């Protein structure tokens, strides 16, 4: 199984690994809170998990990690 986005490319999107981990965690928390506040729990079975969605957003430069 292929991991998307590739981790070696995702690491290049942050100044260091620590910044990448904290950036992904922060964005995943924001996504989860938004889903809970919108009561969108129903119908989310086929969608990506918050961590996967955060990684994809960082990889596609929708969310920029800054120090």
N, C-alpha and C. Protein backbone atom coordinates (compact mmCIF):
# COMPACT_ATOMS: atom_id res chain seq x y z
N UNK A 1 0.84 -1.17 0.00
CA UNK A 1 0.00 0.00 0.00
C UNK A 1 0.89 1.24 0.00
N UNK A 2 0.56 2.19 -0.80
CA UNK A 2 1.32 3.42 -0.93
C UNK A 2 0.77 4.48 0.02
N UNK A 3 1.64 5.15 0.73
CA UNK A 3 1.21 6.21 1.64
C UNK A 3 1.15 7.50 0.84
N UNK A 4 0.02 8.19 0.92
CA UNK A 4 -0.16 9.45 0.22
C UNK A 4 -0.42 10.55 1.22
N UNK A 5 0.23 11.63 1.23
CA UNK A 5 1.38 11.97 0.41
C UNK A 5 2.64 11.28 0.91
N UNK A 6 3.64 11.12 0.06
CA UNK A 6 4.88 10.45 0.46
C UNK A 6 5.59 11.21 1.58
N UNK A 7 6.02 10.50 2.59
CA UNK A 7 6.61 11.13 3.78
C UNK A 7 7.90 11.87 3.45
N UNK A 8 8.70 11.36 2.54
CA UNK A 8 9.95 12.05 2.21
C UNK A 8 9.69 13.39 1.53
N UNK A 9 8.59 13.52 0.82
CA UNK A 9 8.22 14.80 0.21
C UNK A 9 7.55 15.71 1.24
N UNK A 10 6.79 15.13 2.16
CA UNK A 10 6.10 15.91 3.18
C UNK A 10 7.09 16.56 4.14
N UNK A 11 8.19 15.88 4.44
CA UNK A 11 9.20 16.42 5.34
C UNK A 11 9.82 17.70 4.78
N UNK A 12 9.87 17.82 3.47
CA UNK A 12 10.44 19.00 2.82
C UNK A 12 9.55 20.24 2.99
N UNK A 13 8.31 20.05 3.41
CA UNK A 13 7.37 21.16 3.55
C UNK A 13 7.49 21.88 4.88
N UNK A 14 8.38 21.41 5.75
CA UNK A 14 8.55 22.02 7.07
C UNK A 14 10.04 22.22 7.34
N UNK A 15 10.38 23.18 8.21
CA UNK A 15 11.78 23.45 8.52
C UNK A 15 12.46 22.30 9.27
N UNK A 16 11.70 21.52 10.04
CA UNK A 16 12.26 20.38 10.74
C UNK A 16 11.14 19.37 11.02
N UNK A 17 11.50 18.20 11.45
CA UNK A 17 10.50 17.15 11.69
C UNK A 17 9.57 17.53 12.84
N UNK A 18 10.12 18.17 13.85
CA UNK A 18 9.29 18.58 14.99
C UNK A 18 8.21 19.55 14.52
N UNK A 19 8.57 20.50 13.69
CA UNK A 19 7.61 21.47 13.17
C UNK A 19 6.54 20.77 12.32
N UNK A 20 6.94 19.77 11.55
CA UNK A 20 5.99 19.01 10.74
C UNK A 20 4.98 18.29 11.63
N UNK A 21 5.47 17.61 12.66
CA UNK A 21 4.59 16.85 13.55
C UNK A 21 3.61 17.78 14.26
N UNK A 22 4.11 18.89 14.80
CA UNK A 22 3.22 19.80 15.51
C UNK A 22 2.25 20.50 14.55
N UNK A 23 2.71 20.80 13.34
CA UNK A 23 1.83 21.41 12.35
C UNK A 23 0.71 20.49 11.92
N UNK A 24 1.03 19.22 11.69
CA UNK A 24 0.01 18.24 11.32
C UNK A 24 -0.98 18.05 12.47
N UNK A 25 -0.47 17.97 13.68
CA UNK A 25 -1.35 17.78 14.84
C UNK A 25 -2.27 18.98 15.03
N UNK A 26 -1.74 20.18 14.87
CA UNK A 26 -2.54 21.38 15.03
C UNK A 26 -3.65 21.44 13.98
N UNK A 27 -3.29 21.18 12.73
CA UNK A 27 -4.28 21.22 11.66
C UNK A 27 -5.32 20.12 11.81
N UNK A 28 -4.91 18.92 12.23
CA UNK A 28 -5.85 17.82 12.44
C UNK A 28 -6.84 18.16 13.55
N UNK A 29 -6.37 18.82 14.59
CA UNK A 29 -7.25 19.23 15.68
C UNK A 29 -8.26 20.26 15.18
N UNK A 30 -7.82 21.20 14.35
CA UNK A 30 -8.73 22.19 13.78
C UNK A 30 -9.80 21.52 12.93
N UNK A 31 -9.40 20.54 12.13
CA UNK A 31 -10.35 19.82 11.27
C UNK A 31 -11.37 19.07 12.12
N UNK A 32 -10.90 18.40 13.16
CA UNK A 32 -11.79 17.64 14.04
C UNK A 32 -12.78 18.57 14.74
N UNK A 33 -12.29 19.70 15.24
CA UNK A 33 -13.18 20.64 15.92
C UNK A 33 -14.23 21.20 14.97
N UNK A 34 -13.84 21.47 13.74
CA UNK A 34 -14.78 21.98 12.74
C UNK A 34 -15.85 20.95 12.42
N UNK A 35 -15.44 19.68 12.33
CA UNK A 35 -16.41 18.62 12.05
C UNK A 35 -17.38 18.46 13.20
N UNK A 36 -16.90 18.56 14.43
CA UNK A 36 -17.76 18.40 15.59
C UNK A 36 -18.71 19.59 15.75
N UNK A 37 -18.25 20.79 15.46
CA UNK A 37 -19.10 21.97 15.60
C UNK A 37 -20.18 22.01 14.52
N UNK A 38 -19.91 21.39 13.38
CA UNK A 38 -20.89 21.35 12.30
C UNK A 38 -21.80 20.14 12.39
N UNK A 39 -21.59 19.32 13.42
CA UNK A 39 -22.35 18.08 13.58
C UNK A 39 -22.30 17.23 12.32
N UNK A 40 -21.15 17.20 11.69
CA UNK A 40 -21.01 16.46 10.44
C UNK A 40 -20.46 15.06 10.67
N UNK A 41 -20.72 14.51 11.84
CA UNK A 41 -20.23 13.17 12.13
C UNK A 41 -20.90 12.13 11.24
N UNK A 42 -22.16 12.35 10.94
CA UNK A 42 -22.84 11.39 10.09
C UNK A 42 -22.43 11.59 8.64
N UNK A 43 -22.15 10.50 7.98
CA UNK A 43 -21.75 10.57 6.59
C UNK A 43 -20.27 10.80 6.36
N UNK A 44 -19.44 10.70 7.39
CA UNK A 44 -18.00 10.91 7.22
C UNK A 44 -17.24 9.60 7.12
N UNK A 45 -17.94 8.49 6.98
CA UNK A 45 -17.28 7.19 6.98
C UNK A 45 -16.33 7.02 5.81
N UNK A 46 -16.65 7.53 4.64
CA UNK A 46 -15.81 7.34 3.48
C UNK A 46 -14.72 8.39 3.33
N UNK A 47 -14.76 9.39 4.16
CA UNK A 47 -13.79 10.48 4.04
C UNK A 47 -12.50 10.14 4.77
N UNK A 48 -11.46 10.94 4.47
CA UNK A 48 -10.16 10.76 5.12
C UNK A 48 -10.26 11.11 6.60
N UNK A 49 -9.38 10.52 7.38
CA UNK A 49 -9.26 10.89 8.77
C UNK A 49 -8.62 12.27 8.84
N UNK A 50 -8.74 12.92 9.99
CA UNK A 50 -8.24 14.28 10.15
C UNK A 50 -6.73 14.36 9.91
N UNK A 51 -5.98 13.37 10.38
CA UNK A 51 -4.53 13.36 10.18
C UNK A 51 -4.19 13.26 8.70
N UNK A 52 -4.86 12.38 7.98
CA UNK A 52 -4.62 12.22 6.54
C UNK A 52 -4.97 13.49 5.79
N UNK A 53 -6.08 14.11 6.15
CA UNK A 53 -6.50 15.34 5.50
C UNK A 53 -5.50 16.46 5.78
N UNK A 54 -5.02 16.55 7.02
CA UNK A 54 -4.03 17.57 7.37
C UNK A 54 -2.74 17.38 6.57
N UNK A 55 -2.29 16.14 6.44
CA UNK A 55 -1.08 15.86 5.65
C UNK A 55 -1.26 16.25 4.20
N UNK A 56 -2.41 15.96 3.64
CA UNK A 56 -2.67 16.31 2.24
C UNK A 56 -2.71 17.83 2.05
N UNK A 57 -3.29 18.54 3.03
CA UNK A 57 -3.34 20.01 2.94
C UNK A 57 -1.94 20.61 3.02
N UNK A 58 -1.11 20.07 3.88
CA UNK A 58 0.27 20.57 3.99
C UNK A 58 1.04 20.26 2.71
N UNK A 59 0.87 19.08 2.18
CA UNK A 59 1.57 18.66 0.97
C UNK A 59 1.18 19.53 -0.24
N UNK A 60 -0.10 19.92 -0.30
CA UNK A 60 -0.56 20.72 -1.43
C UNK A 60 -0.48 22.23 -1.16
N UNK A 61 0.21 22.61 -0.09
CA UNK A 61 0.45 24.00 0.29
C UNK A 61 -0.83 24.77 0.63
N UNK A 62 -1.89 24.08 1.03
CA UNK A 62 -3.10 24.75 1.50
C UNK A 62 -2.90 25.23 2.94
N UNK A 63 -2.00 24.57 3.66
CA UNK A 63 -1.68 24.91 5.05
C UNK A 63 -0.16 24.99 5.13
N UNK A 64 0.36 26.15 5.50
CA UNK A 64 1.79 26.38 5.54
C UNK A 64 2.29 26.30 6.98
N UNK A 65 3.37 25.58 7.20
CA UNK A 65 3.97 25.47 8.53
C UNK A 65 5.05 26.54 8.66
N UNK A 66 4.89 27.40 9.68
CA UNK A 66 5.88 28.44 9.94
C UNK A 66 6.37 28.28 11.37
N UNK A 67 7.58 28.74 11.62
CA UNK A 67 8.10 28.70 12.99
C UNK A 67 7.99 30.09 13.57
